[in-house]
Amino acid sequence: MSSSSRFKDMPLRRDFCGGLLGGLLASQIQAAAAAQPARILLRSSWQVVNIGDIAHTPGVLALIQKYLPRAEVRLWASGDLSPEVADMEHRRFPNLQIVKGTIASDGQASTQDLAETLQWCDFLLHGSGPSLVASRDVAAFERHVQKPFGVYGITYAGGNPEQVALLSRAQFAYFRDSVSLEKARSDGVSSPIVEFTPDGAFACDLRNDSQASAWLEAHQLQPGKYVCCIPRLRYTPYWLIRPGSALDPQKDARNQEMAEHDHAVLRRAIERIVRETDLKVLIVPEDRTQMQVGRQWLWDRLPADVRTRVVWRESFWLTDEALSTYVRSAGLFGLEMHSPIMCIGNGIPAIVGRFAEQTSKGWMWKDIGLEQWLFDLDDEAQAQRYPDAVIQMLTDQASSRAQVAQAQHRIRQWQAASMSRLAAAG
């Protein structure tokens, strides 16, 4: 039996954090904050072609700012962090210092900024992400810098013995979905703390209100009167957006095989929104390939009478403008994960459609109490119910907002608990 099968009817103990958030947890955070300010090196920033991957970094930074306000933080970013994204992050965190580089086999840092930062820091925090993305950097840091580290909110599908051992040497290893947590435990990850905490992107609060408002006004979309929809192929066709990347014939064939099946579900939901409510629909991207996906598989195939109340966004955007757009909407649905995460984190209802090609990250919707908004499109019965759920989410706003508020409450409890561990470790 797979980890997901064993775990599908086993919700996390949601009373766990409630007990921690009493006087003991508050005193732990206060005591750590009163000590010498921690110097935290955040290893994050995985790629800039996806607004969800971008959101991991400002989300974890916002959590540290909230719960460890005296801590000093520097970002150890991946090499492809663009000036445009760095500028966006600096608007929210103006004092953030960003370094890049690697640690060679002899322990030497490849840049002077990184070398100085490795001496400066007290603690390395591997940020939220789809896996232990920077495992080589973490291993090199432990081997050569010999300072403590922790792992915060990742998905884990199984690792080789070296990665299991590395996770076991962390001060804490937090996983962002219960399937990953169970898999890590069954693989023998034995860090002193092996627990669940939500994806760091739930705390992302970037904004670009002026740019979002201008775009919405230009396309005649009024706050609260539109819903966002995000398309997705089974595999992201990175060969279209990464120079030098070769087409993957197997992944491309699977995309073409399932594109109509998956997007027909979204089109049915769009048609019902237009015909049964007074809302408009805004088709938006989460990554740089999805403008064309939205045009080909949604917009171009909608009935003419429906298309008059549907807007297709043809240009990519950054996380701040996207989030400012989401918080003005009535809700979001689609086949992606991190735009829904950002929506729930900021009080907006959101439905997730997923399929086998994705990791277990979708399971977090059950973990935070939103299983009624999680749909497996490989299960035809669930796929058929998807449009009904979208309509119910949008027409029963009071109930939808209440469900979001309950999920937010749980998320914040877990965030506070995990940040208290960082305060103690750092």
Protein backbone atom coordinates (compact mmCIF):
# COMPACT_ATOMS: atom_id res chain seq x y z
CA MET A 1 0.00 0.00 0.00
CA SER A 2 1.35 3.46 -0.92
CA SER A 3 1.97 6.24 1.58
CA SER A 4 -0.90 8.22 0.07
CA SER A 5 -3.27 5.28 0.41
CA ARG A 6 -2.34 4.72 4.04
CA PHE A 7 -2.69 8.37 4.83
CA LYS A 8 -5.76 9.45 2.91
CA ASP A 9 -8.16 8.95 5.81
CA MET A 10 -5.74 9.99 8.54
CA PRO A 11 -5.99 13.77 9.12
CA LEU A 12 -3.32 15.54 11.10
CA ARG A 13 -4.13 16.24 14.72
CA ARG A 14 -5.52 19.74 14.45
CA ASP A 15 -5.68 20.15 18.23
CA PHE A 16 -1.89 19.74 18.41
CA CYS A 17 -1.04 23.37 17.72
CA GLY A 18 -3.90 24.69 19.81
CA GLY A 19 -2.18 23.38 22.93
CA LEU A 20 1.19 24.72 21.88
CA LEU A 21 -0.16 28.22 21.40
CA GLY A 22 -0.73 28.73 25.08
CA GLY A 23 1.68 30.34 27.48
CA LEU A 24 4.47 27.85 26.81
CA LEU A 25 4.76 28.64 23.11
CA ALA A 26 4.46 32.37 23.66
CA SER A 27 7.17 32.27 26.31
CA GLN A 28 9.47 30.26 24.03
CA ILE A 29 9.19 32.85 21.27
CA GLN A 30 9.65 35.74 23.70
CA ALA A 31 12.67 34.13 25.34
CA ALA A 32 14.34 33.45 22.02
CA ALA A 33 13.57 36.97 20.82
CA ALA A 34 15.11 38.45 23.98
CA ALA A 35 18.41 36.67 23.36
CA GLN A 36 21.12 37.78 20.96
CA PRO A 37 19.44 38.36 17.55
CA ALA A 38 19.78 35.26 15.39
CA ARG A 39 21.63 35.48 12.11
CA ILE A 40 19.70 33.26 9.72
CA LEU A 41 20.83 32.32 6.23
CA LEU A 42 17.74 31.37 4.21
CA ARG A 43 18.53 29.05 1.30
CA SER A 44 15.61 29.60 -1.02
CA SER A 45 14.60 31.04 -4.41
CA TRP A 46 14.23 28.05 -6.72
CA GLN A 47 13.20 29.54 -10.07
CA VAL A 48 11.61 32.69 -11.46
CA VAL A 49 9.47 31.27 -14.28
CA ASN A 50 6.70 30.41 -11.80
CA ILE A 51 5.06 32.90 -9.43
CA GLY A 52 4.40 30.10 -6.95
CA ASP A 53 8.05 29.12 -6.72
CA ILE A 54 8.87 32.79 -6.24
CA ALA A 55 6.33 32.98 -3.39
CA HIS A 56 8.20 30.50 -1.18
CA THR A 57 10.92 33.03 -0.37
CA PRO A 58 8.86 36.10 0.65
CA GLY A 59 6.50 33.79 2.52
CA VAL A 60 9.21 32.39 4.79
CA LEU A 61 10.79 35.84 5.12
CA ALA A 62 7.42 37.22 6.27
CA LEU A 63 7.12 34.46 8.87
CA ILE A 64 10.58 35.17 10.25
CA GLN A 65 9.82 38.89 10.33
CA LYS A 66 6.59 38.25 12.24
CA TYR A 67 7.80 35.69 14.76
CA LEU A 68 11.49 36.57 15.09
CA PRO A 69 11.40 40.35 14.57
CA ARG A 70 14.95 40.90 15.85
CA ALA A 71 16.50 38.22 13.67
CA GLU A 72 18.85 39.22 10.89
CA VAL A 73 18.25 37.33 7.64
CA ARG A 74 20.16 37.01 4.42
CA LEU A 75 18.92 35.15 1.35
CA TRP A 76 21.16 32.62 -0.35
CA ALA A 77 19.48 32.62 -3.74
CA SER A 78 19.82 30.40 -6.76
CA GLY A 79 21.78 31.73 -9.68
CA ASP A 80 18.73 32.49 -11.82
CA LEU A 81 17.18 34.97 -9.38
CA SER A 82 16.48 37.88 -11.72
CA PRO A 83 16.93 41.58 -10.92
CA GLU A 84 13.19 42.03 -11.51
CA VAL A 85 12.28 39.48 -8.84
CA ALA A 86 14.98 40.73 -6.47
CA ASP A 87 13.62 44.28 -6.81
CA MET A 88 10.12 43.02 -6.01
CA GLU A 89 11.41 41.28 -2.87
CA HIS A 90 13.34 44.37 -1.82
CA ARG A 91 10.19 46.50 -2.02
CA ARG A 92 8.73 44.26 0.69
CA PHE A 93 12.00 43.62 2.58
CA PRO A 94 14.17 46.68 1.91
CA ASN A 95 17.04 45.57 4.15
CA LEU A 96 17.31 42.08 2.73
CA GLN A 97 20.81 41.17 1.60
CA ILE A 98 20.94 38.62 -1.23
CA VAL A 99 23.96 36.46 -1.98
CA LYS A 100 24.58 33.85 -4.65
CA GLY A 101 27.18 31.17 -5.19
CA THR A 102 28.16 27.64 -4.27
CA ILE A 103 30.49 25.86 -1.87
CA ALA A 104 33.20 23.87 -3.66
CA SER A 105 34.43 20.44 -2.61
CA ASP A 106 37.35 22.06 -0.78
CA GLY A 107 34.96 24.25 1.23
CA GLN A 108 35.68 27.48 -0.63
CA ALA A 109 32.73 29.71 -1.51
CA SER A 110 32.53 30.73 -5.15
CA THR A 111 31.76 34.38 -4.34
CA GLN A 112 33.11 36.76 -1.73
CA ASP A 113 29.60 37.70 -0.62
CA LEU A 114 28.76 34.07 0.09
CA ALA A 115 32.06 33.46 1.87
CA GLU A 116 31.44 36.42 4.19
CA THR A 117 27.83 35.37 4.78
CA LEU A 118 28.82 31.81 5.71
CA GLN A 119 31.02 33.26 8.43
CA TRP A 120 28.32 35.71 9.51
CA CYS A 121 25.39 33.35 9.93
CA ASP A 122 24.43 31.25 12.95
CA PHE A 123 21.96 28.97 11.24
CA LEU A 124 21.02 27.77 7.74
CA LEU A 125 17.32 27.40 6.96
CA HIS A 126 16.36 25.50 3.82
CA GLY A 127 13.13 27.15 2.73
CA SER A 128 9.84 25.69 1.59
CA GLY A 129 9.82 23.92 -1.76
CA PRO A 130 8.97 20.87 -3.87
CA SER A 131 11.78 18.81 -2.34
CA LEU A 132 15.08 19.27 -0.55
CA VAL A 133 15.94 21.38 -3.58
CA ALA A 134 19.31 22.64 -2.34
CA SER A 135 20.47 19.36 -0.80
CA ARG A 136 23.99 19.80 -2.20
CA ASP A 137 24.30 23.27 -0.71
CA VAL A 138 22.95 22.11 2.65
CA ALA A 139 25.34 19.13 2.70
CA ALA A 140 28.30 21.35 1.80
CA PHE A 141 27.29 23.87 4.46
CA GLU A 142 27.12 21.18 7.12
CA ARG A 143 30.40 19.61 6.07
CA HIS A 144 32.50 22.72 5.69
CA VAL A 145 30.83 25.48 7.71
CA GLN A 146 29.79 23.14 10.52
CA LYS A 147 26.88 25.18 11.80
CA PRO A 148 23.33 23.96 12.54
CA PHE A 149 20.60 23.87 9.90
CA GLY A 150 16.89 23.13 9.56
CA VAL A 151 14.44 22.27 6.79
CA TYR A 152 11.14 24.12 6.52
CA GLY A 153 8.02 22.91 4.72
CA ILE A 154 9.09 20.68 1.83
CA THR A 155 7.52 17.82 -0.08
CA TYR A 156 9.39 14.53 0.20
CA ALA A 157 8.86 11.60 -2.15
CA GLY A 158 11.72 9.48 -0.85
CA GLY A 159 15.45 9.96 -0.79
CA ASN A 160 18.69 8.05 -1.07
CA PRO A 161 20.47 7.07 2.17
CA GLU A 162 22.65 10.19 2.01
CA GLN A 163 19.62 12.49 1.90
CA VAL A 164 17.86 10.61 4.69
CA ALA A 165 20.99 10.95 6.78
CA LEU A 166 21.24 14.66 5.96
CA LEU A 167 17.63 15.31 6.96
CA SER A 168 18.23 13.33 10.13
CA ARG A 169 21.08 15.66 11.11
CA ALA A 170 18.87 18.74 10.78
CA GLN A 171 17.74 20.52 13.94
CA PHE A 172 14.23 20.08 12.56
CA ALA A 173 12.67 18.71 9.38
CA TYR A 174 9.23 20.09 8.54
CA PHE A 175 7.17 18.66 5.69
CA ARG A 176 4.34 20.51 3.96
CA ASP A 177 1.95 17.59 3.45
CA SER A 178 1.07 14.54 5.52
CA VAL A 179 2.04 12.06 2.80
CA SER A 180 5.57 13.50 2.76
CA LEU A 181 5.70 13.43 6.55
CA GLU A 182 4.68 9.77 6.69
CA LYS A 183 7.15 8.87 3.93
CA ALA A 184 10.02 10.65 5.71
CA ARG A 185 9.24 8.86 8.95
CA SER A 186 8.95 5.48 7.23
CA ASP A 187 12.29 6.09 5.47
CA GLY A 188 13.90 6.62 8.85
CA VAL A 189 14.40 10.39 8.93
CA SER A 190 15.27 10.87 12.59
CA SER A 191 15.82 14.58 13.14
CA PRO A 192 14.87 15.62 16.69
CA ILE A 193 11.76 17.22 15.16
CA VAL A 194 10.05 15.55 12.19
CA GLU A 195 6.68 17.23 11.83
CA PHE A 196 4.21 18.99 9.54
CA THR A 197 4.10 22.68 8.79
CA PRO A 198 2.28 24.39 5.90
CA ASP A 199 3.99 25.57 2.74
CA GLY A 200 5.79 28.86 3.34
CA ALA A 201 3.91 30.48 0.45
CA PHE A 202 0.78 30.68 2.64
CA ALA A 203 2.47 33.65 4.34
CA CYS A 204 3.35 35.49 1.12
CA ASP A 205 1.93 39.01 1.30
CA LEU A 206 3.56 40.80 -1.64
CA ARG A 207 1.44 43.46 -3.34
CA ASN A 208 1.45 45.64 -6.42
CA ASP A 209 -1.97 47.23 -6.02
CA SER A 210 -1.50 50.06 -8.49
CA GLN A 211 -0.42 47.79 -11.33
CA ALA A 212 -3.14 45.24 -10.63
CA SER A 213 -5.86 47.87 -10.35
CA ALA A 214 -4.83 49.54 -13.61
CA TRP A 215 -4.86 46.22 -15.48
CA LEU A 216 -8.22 45.20 -14.04
CA GLU A 217 -9.77 48.55 -14.88
CA ALA A 218 -8.42 48.39 -18.44
CA HIS A 219 -10.14 45.01 -18.85
CA GLN A 220 -13.39 46.06 -17.15
CA LEU A 221 -13.01 43.74 -14.17
CA GLN A 222 -14.48 45.08 -10.95
CA PRO A 223 -13.35 43.96 -7.47
CA GLY A 224 -15.42 41.06 -6.24
CA LYS A 225 -17.06 40.58 -9.64
CA TYR A 226 -14.63 38.15 -11.26
CA VAL A 227 -13.11 34.76 -10.50
CA CYS A 228 -9.64 33.60 -11.54
CA CYS A 229 -8.95 30.36 -13.42
CA ILE A 230 -5.53 28.75 -13.92
CA PRO A 231 -4.86 26.10 -16.61
CA ARG A 232 -2.07 23.55 -16.48
CA LEU A 233 -0.64 20.73 -18.57
CA ARG A 234 0.31 17.47 -16.91
CA TYR A 235 4.02 18.36 -17.22
CA THR A 236 5.34 21.90 -17.42
CA PRO A 237 6.92 22.19 -20.91
CA TYR A 238 10.10 23.83 -19.72
CA TRP A 239 11.61 23.23 -23.18
CA LEU A 240 9.50 26.17 -24.34
CA ILE A 241 10.86 28.67 -21.81
CA ARG A 242 14.35 27.50 -20.82
CA PRO A 243 17.06 28.16 -23.42
CA GLY A 244 18.85 24.98 -24.36
CA SER A 245 16.18 22.66 -22.94
CA ALA A 246 15.29 19.81 -25.27
CA LEU A 247 11.73 18.71 -25.88
CA ASP A 248 10.79 15.66 -23.81
CA PRO A 249 8.77 13.46 -26.21
CA GLN A 250 7.15 11.34 -23.49
CA LYS A 251 6.05 14.29 -21.38
CA ASP A 252 4.87 16.18 -24.44
CA ALA A 253 2.83 13.19 -25.58
CA ARG A 254 1.22 12.86 -22.15
CA ASN A 255 0.40 16.56 -22.16
CA GLN A 256 -1.34 16.29 -25.51
CA GLU A 257 -3.14 13.13 -24.46
CA MET A 258 -4.70 14.68 -21.34
CA ALA A 259 -5.02 18.39 -22.17
CA GLU A 260 -8.57 18.21 -23.50
CA HIS A 261 -9.73 15.94 -20.68
CA ASP A 262 -8.34 18.19 -17.96
CA HIS A 263 -9.34 21.53 -19.42
CA ALA A 264 -12.82 20.40 -20.39
CA VAL A 265 -13.51 20.28 -16.64
CA LEU A 266 -12.42 23.91 -16.29
CA ARG A 267 -14.43 24.97 -19.34
CA ARG A 268 -17.57 23.43 -17.87
CA ALA A 269 -17.01 25.43 -14.72
CA ILE A 270 -16.41 28.63 -16.71
CA GLU A 271 -19.58 28.14 -18.75
CA ARG A 272 -21.64 27.63 -15.62
CA ILE A 273 -20.16 30.71 -13.94
CA VAL A 274 -21.06 32.89 -16.91
CA ARG A 275 -24.55 31.45 -17.30
CA GLU A 276 -25.52 31.05 -13.65
CA THR A 277 -23.88 34.03 -11.91
CA ASP A 278 -23.10 37.69 -12.58
CA LEU A 279 -19.35 37.06 -12.33
CA LYS A 280 -16.74 37.30 -15.06
CA VAL A 281 -13.85 34.85 -15.42
CA LEU A 282 -10.19 35.85 -15.69
CA ILE A 283 -7.85 33.20 -17.15
CA VAL A 284 -4.39 33.74 -15.66
CA PRO A 285 -0.97 31.99 -15.61
CA GLU A 286 1.09 30.65 -12.75
CA ASP A 287 4.10 29.95 -14.96
CA ARG A 288 5.39 31.37 -18.23
CA THR A 289 3.99 28.56 -20.37
CA GLN A 290 0.40 28.95 -19.24
CA MET A 291 -0.67 32.02 -21.19
CA GLN A 292 -0.63 29.90 -24.35
CA VAL A 293 -2.18 26.93 -22.52
CA GLY A 294 -5.03 29.14 -21.36
CA ARG A 295 -5.59 30.49 -24.86
CA GLN A 296 -5.45 27.11 -26.62
CA TRP A 297 -7.35 24.90 -24.19
CA LEU A 298 -9.75 27.35 -22.55
CA TRP A 299 -10.41 30.65 -24.34
CA ASP A 300 -10.38 29.36 -27.94
CA ARG A 301 -12.75 26.50 -27.09
CA LEU A 302 -15.40 28.43 -25.17
CA PRO A 303 -18.80 29.09 -26.75
CA ALA A 304 -19.08 32.58 -28.21
CA ASP A 305 -21.75 33.70 -25.77
CA VAL A 306 -19.59 32.64 -22.83
CA ARG A 307 -16.42 34.27 -24.14
CA THR A 308 -17.98 37.74 -23.92
CA ARG A 309 -17.58 37.57 -20.11
CA VAL A 310 -14.19 35.88 -20.05
CA VAL A 311 -10.86 37.71 -20.07
CA TRP A 312 -7.64 35.98 -21.13
CA ARG A 313 -4.44 37.44 -19.71
CA GLU A 314 -1.87 37.18 -22.48
CA SER A 315 1.18 38.45 -20.56
CA PHE A 316 3.10 36.97 -17.64
CA TRP A 317 3.19 38.72 -14.27
CA LEU A 318 5.08 38.60 -11.01
CA THR A 319 3.85 37.39 -7.65
CA ASP A 320 3.03 40.83 -6.27
CA GLU A 321 0.67 41.81 -9.10
CA ALA A 322 -0.87 38.33 -9.12
CA LEU A 323 -1.63 38.42 -5.41
CA SER A 324 -3.09 41.92 -5.66
CA THR A 325 -5.34 40.53 -8.41
CA TYR A 326 -6.33 37.45 -6.41
CA VAL A 327 -7.33 39.39 -3.29
CA ARG A 328 -9.72 41.51 -5.39
CA SER A 329 -11.41 38.41 -6.83
CA ALA A 330 -14.37 36.36 -5.65
CA GLY A 331 -12.25 33.22 -5.70
CA LEU A 332 -9.91 31.05 -7.75
CA PHE A 333 -10.00 27.58 -9.30
CA GLY A 334 -7.76 25.65 -11.65
CA LEU A 335 -5.10 22.97 -11.86
CA GLU A 336 -2.25 24.65 -10.00
CA MET A 337 -1.27 24.67 -6.33
CA HIS A 338 0.51 27.84 -5.30
CA SER A 339 -1.95 30.43 -6.49
CA PRO A 340 -4.58 28.67 -4.35
CA ILE A 341 -2.09 28.64 -1.47
CA MET A 342 -1.58 32.38 -1.77
CA CYS A 343 -5.33 32.89 -1.99
CA ILE A 344 -6.12 30.93 1.17
CA GLY A 345 -3.27 32.63 3.00
CA ASN A 346 -4.85 35.99 2.14
CA GLY A 347 -8.49 35.11 2.77
CA ILE A 348 -9.71 34.17 -0.72
CA PRO A 349 -11.52 30.86 -1.46
CA ALA A 350 -9.67 28.53 -3.83
CA ILE A 351 -10.25 25.09 -5.36
CA VAL A 352 -7.40 22.77 -6.37
CA GLY A 353 -7.52 20.26 -9.21
CA ARG A 354 -4.66 17.76 -9.27
CA PHE A 355 -3.53 14.56 -11.03
CA ALA A 356 -1.03 11.73 -10.75
CA GLU A 357 1.84 13.60 -12.42
CA GLN A 358 1.99 16.07 -9.55
CA THR A 359 3.67 15.45 -6.22
CA SER A 360 1.77 14.86 -2.99
CA LYS A 361 1.67 18.61 -2.28
CA GLY A 362 -2.06 18.72 -3.04
CA TRP A 363 -2.63 16.66 0.08
CA MET A 364 -2.04 19.77 2.19
CA TRP A 365 -5.59 20.87 1.23
CA LYS A 366 -6.84 17.95 3.32
CA ASP A 367 -4.29 18.65 6.03
CA ILE A 368 -5.57 22.19 6.54
CA GLY A 369 -9.22 21.15 6.44
CA LEU A 370 -10.15 22.03 2.84
CA GLU A 371 -10.66 18.53 1.48
CA GLN A 372 -14.00 19.63 -0.01
CA TRP A 373 -12.01 21.89 -2.36
CA LEU A 374 -9.50 19.26 -3.52
CA PHE A 375 -10.31 17.23 -6.65
CA ASP A 376 -8.38 14.40 -8.29
CA LEU A 377 -8.99 14.73 -12.03
CA ASP A 378 -7.87 11.13 -12.55
CA ASP A 379 -11.02 10.12 -10.69
CA GLU A 380 -13.88 10.74 -13.12
CA ALA A 381 -16.47 11.00 -10.35
CA GLN A 382 -14.45 13.78 -8.73
CA ALA A 383 -13.86 15.48 -12.08
CA GLN A 384 -17.61 15.53 -12.69
CA ARG A 385 -18.22 17.19 -9.30
CA TYR A 386 -15.58 19.87 -9.86
CA PRO A 387 -17.84 22.45 -11.62
CA ASP A 388 -20.52 22.01 -8.94
CA ALA A 389 -17.98 22.80 -6.25
CA VAL A 390 -16.84 25.93 -8.09
CA ILE A 391 -20.41 27.22 -8.32
CA GLN A 392 -21.11 26.46 -4.68
CA MET A 393 -17.89 28.16 -3.58
CA LEU A 394 -18.82 31.31 -5.50
CA THR A 395 -22.54 31.48 -4.72
CA ASP A 396 -22.32 30.66 -1.01
CA GLN A 397 -19.73 33.28 -0.13
CA ALA A 398 -20.52 33.31 3.60
CA SER A 399 -19.81 29.61 3.95
CA SER A 400 -16.74 29.83 1.70
CA ARG A 401 -15.22 32.67 3.69
CA ALA A 402 -15.89 30.81 6.93
CA GLN A 403 -14.07 27.75 5.62
CA VAL A 404 -11.13 29.91 4.56
CA ALA A 405 -11.02 31.53 8.02
CA GLN A 406 -10.93 28.12 9.71
CA ALA A 407 -8.10 26.98 7.44
CA GLN A 408 -6.18 30.21 8.12
CA HIS A 409 -6.54 29.66 11.86
CA ARG A 410 -5.02 26.18 11.59
CA ILE A 411 -2.24 27.41 9.31
CA ARG A 412 -1.27 30.20 11.69
CA GLN A 413 -1.14 27.80 14.61
CA TRP A 414 1.27 25.53 12.77
CA GLN A 415 3.31 28.53 11.59
CA ALA A 416 3.67 29.84 15.13
CA ALA A 417 4.66 26.42 16.43
CA SER A 418 7.30 25.84 13.75
CA MET A 419 8.69 29.37 14.06
CA SER A 420 9.11 28.82 17.81
CA ARG A 421 11.39 25.89 16.94
CA LEU A 422 13.39 28.11 14.59
CA ALA A 423 13.67 30.71 17.35
CA ALA A 424 15.03 28.09 19.73
CA ALA A 425 17.40 26.59 17.14
CA GLY A 426 18.65 29.89 15.76
